[in-house]
Protein backbone atom coordinates (compact mmCIF):
# COMPACT_ATOMS: atom_id res chain seq x y z
CA PHE A 1 0.05 0.36 -0.03
CA VAL A 2 0.96 3.42 -1.06
CA LEU A 3 -0.28 6.54 0.04
CA ASN A 4 -1.55 8.19 -3.27
CA PRO A 5 0.41 9.97 -3.98
CA ALA A 6 3.44 8.73 -1.69
CA PRO A 7 4.02 12.01 -0.13
CA LEU A 8 7.19 13.98 0.95
CA ALA A 9 6.76 16.80 2.99
CA LEU A 10 9.72 19.36 3.42
CA GLY A 11 10.05 21.91 6.50
CA ALA A 12 9.83 22.42 10.21
CA GLY A 13 7.62 19.25 11.13
CA GLY A 14 6.42 18.11 8.07
CA ARG A 15 5.17 14.61 7.96
CA SER A 16 6.51 12.12 5.29
CA TYR A 17 5.22 8.12 3.89
CA LEU A 18 7.32 5.79 2.85
CA GLY A 19 5.36 2.53 2.62
CA ASN A 20 4.49 1.95 6.05
CA LEU A 21 7.42 4.71 7.17
CA HIS A 22 5.79 7.67 9.06
CA TYR A 23 8.38 10.08 9.62
CA CYS A 24 8.74 13.91 10.20
CA SER A 25 11.54 16.12 11.46
CA PRO A 26 11.47 17.05 14.75
CA TRP A 27 8.86 20.25 15.58
CA SER A 28 7.67 23.05 18.26
CA SER A 29 5.66 25.71 18.26
CA ASN A 30 8.15 27.82 20.74
CA LEU A 31 10.01 29.92 18.56
CA GLN A 32 13.56 29.11 20.68
CA THR A 33 13.16 25.75 20.40
CA SER A 34 12.11 26.05 17.33
CA ARG A 35 15.52 28.04 16.27
CA LYS A 36 17.36 25.37 17.98
CA ILE A 37 15.85 22.63 15.87
CA ILE A 38 16.65 24.33 12.43
CA GLN A 39 20.08 25.11 13.47
CA ALA A 40 20.71 21.22 14.70
CA PHE A 41 18.93 20.41 11.08
CA ILE A 42 21.76 22.91 9.73
CA ASP A 43 24.17 21.41 11.64
CA SER A 44 23.71 17.95 10.74
CA PRO A 45 26.48 16.04 8.20
CA ASP A 46 23.91 14.00 7.08
CA LYS A 47 20.42 15.52 5.83
CA THR A 48 19.39 11.90 5.21
CA VAL A 49 18.87 10.10 7.91
CA ILE A 50 15.12 9.54 9.36
CA ASN A 51 15.33 9.69 13.28
CA HIS A 52 12.14 10.72 13.98
CA GLY A 53 9.81 8.42 12.53
CA TYR A 54 8.01 4.89 13.24
CA LEU A 55 6.41 1.89 11.15
CA LEU A 56 2.88 1.94 10.76
CA PRO A 57 0.33 -0.94 11.57
CA PRO A 58 -2.05 -1.96 9.05
CA ASP A 59 -4.85 -0.21 10.97
CA GLU A 60 -2.70 3.05 11.69
CA MET A 61 -1.96 2.73 7.42
CA LYS A 62 -6.10 2.64 7.16
CA ARG A 63 -6.62 5.90 9.41
CA ARG A 64 -3.86 7.67 7.66
CA PHE A 65 -5.30 7.02 4.42
CA ILE A 66 -8.52 8.45 6.03
CA ILE A 67 -6.63 11.53 7.11
CA LYS A 68 -4.51 12.66 3.60
CA ASN A 69 -7.36 12.19 1.95
CA LEU A 70 -11.28 13.48 2.81
CA PHE A 71 -9.11 16.76 4.73
CA PHE A 72 -7.62 17.24 1.16
CA TRP A 73 -9.64 19.20 -1.88
CA GLN A 74 -9.82 16.24 -4.06
CA GLY A 75 -11.63 13.95 -0.85
CA LEU A 76 -11.29 10.21 -0.19
CA SER A 77 -11.96 7.91 -2.77
CA LEU A 78 -14.12 4.95 -1.18
CA SER A 79 -13.28 2.56 -4.00
CA ASP A 80 -9.61 3.23 -3.50
CA TYR A 81 -10.01 2.92 -0.20
CA GLN A 82 -11.68 -0.56 -0.92
CA GLN A 83 -9.04 -1.49 -3.35
CA TYR A 84 -5.90 -1.00 -0.96
CA PHE A 85 -7.25 -2.48 1.92
CA ALA A 86 -10.29 -4.93 1.28
CA SER A 87 -12.41 -3.32 3.24
CA ASP A 88 -15.22 -1.24 3.67
CA ALA A 89 -14.31 2.45 5.28
CA LEU A 90 -17.65 3.46 6.21
CA ARG A 91 -17.84 -0.30 8.11
CA ASP A 92 -13.97 0.60 9.77
CA PHE A 93 -14.86 4.53 10.52
CA PRO A 94 -17.98 4.54 11.73
CA ASN A 95 -17.62 8.64 12.58
CA LEU A 96 -17.64 9.26 8.38
CA GLU A 97 -21.36 8.70 8.59
CA ARG A 98 -21.95 10.81 11.64
CA PHE A 99 -19.79 13.60 9.88
CA ILE A 100 -22.43 13.29 6.59
CA ARG A 101 -25.26 13.72 9.10
CA GLN A 102 -23.56 16.62 10.59
CA GLY A 103 -22.79 18.34 6.97
CA TYR A 104 -19.18 18.36 7.59
CA CYS A 105 -18.87 15.86 4.50
CA TYR A 106 -20.81 14.43 1.75
CA GLN A 107 -20.61 11.33 -0.71
CA ASN A 108 -20.64 12.03 -4.46
CA GLY A 109 -20.52 8.46 -6.00
CA SER A 110 -17.56 6.91 -4.64
CA ARG A 111 -16.41 9.74 -3.36
CA LEU A 112 -16.73 11.38 -0.04
CA ARG A 113 -15.53 15.48 0.08
CA LEU A 114 -15.67 17.66 3.16
CA THR A 115 -18.38 20.63 3.07
CA GLU A 116 -17.43 24.19 3.38
CA THR A 117 -18.07 23.81 7.25
CA GLY A 118 -16.22 20.64 7.17
CA MET A 119 -12.65 22.32 5.34
CA ALA A 120 -13.62 25.09 8.03
CA LEU A 121 -13.44 22.65 10.98
CA SER A 122 -10.84 20.29 9.05
CA ASP A 123 -8.36 20.96 11.70
CA CYS A 124 -10.63 19.53 14.77
CA LEU A 125 -12.00 16.69 12.82
CA ALA A 126 -9.03 15.42 11.60
CA PRO A 127 -7.76 14.45 14.93
CA VAL A 128 -10.97 12.00 15.00
CA PHE A 129 -9.19 9.56 12.85
CA VAL A 130 -5.28 9.49 15.17
CA SER A 131 -5.78 6.54 17.36
CA PRO A 132 -5.34 7.03 21.05
CA GLU A 133 -1.58 4.97 20.77
CA VAL A 134 -0.46 7.21 17.86
CA MET A 135 -1.37 10.33 20.11
CA LEU A 136 0.22 9.16 22.83
CA ARG A 137 3.76 8.57 20.73
CA GLU A 138 3.68 12.05 19.41
CA ASN A 139 3.30 13.76 22.07
CA ARG A 140 6.17 11.74 23.79
CA GLN A 141 8.26 12.85 20.94
CA ARG A 142 7.60 16.50 21.23
C-alpha cells in the first residue's frame, strides 16, 4: 500500500511517508525551541537520516489514508480504500457516516468530500481519526 501519491513533506514538522514508514523532522511551536531544531538540522552532516519516525501497523495505515485523502480538496475515494485495504471505509470508521449526517462531508458517487463547514473545521475533525496510541507516541516525541 502506498498513500496516493506518496507524500514527501519539507519544512519544520513536515510529515512524510515511505510505504508504512511515517516520519517527520522534530518540531515545536515555541520560537526558541524551533530555532534550535532548525540549527541542529543545518549543522547535521547527513540530511538523509530518518531519526524521528515509526512503522505504521495496518490499522494506522487505514487511518492515515482517511486523513491524507478526506481532508484535501479531492476527498476520499471509497473505491480506492476498498482496493487498497479490501475493506469498507464507512464500516471501518463510523465517524464518516456521522460527519455526513452532521453536514461536514457529503458522498458523491464513490467519493467523500468535505463541505465548506467541514473544511473550515478540518483541523478539529482530522484528529478524530488519530488513534490513542499514535496520539500518545507523538506527544512523547515532542
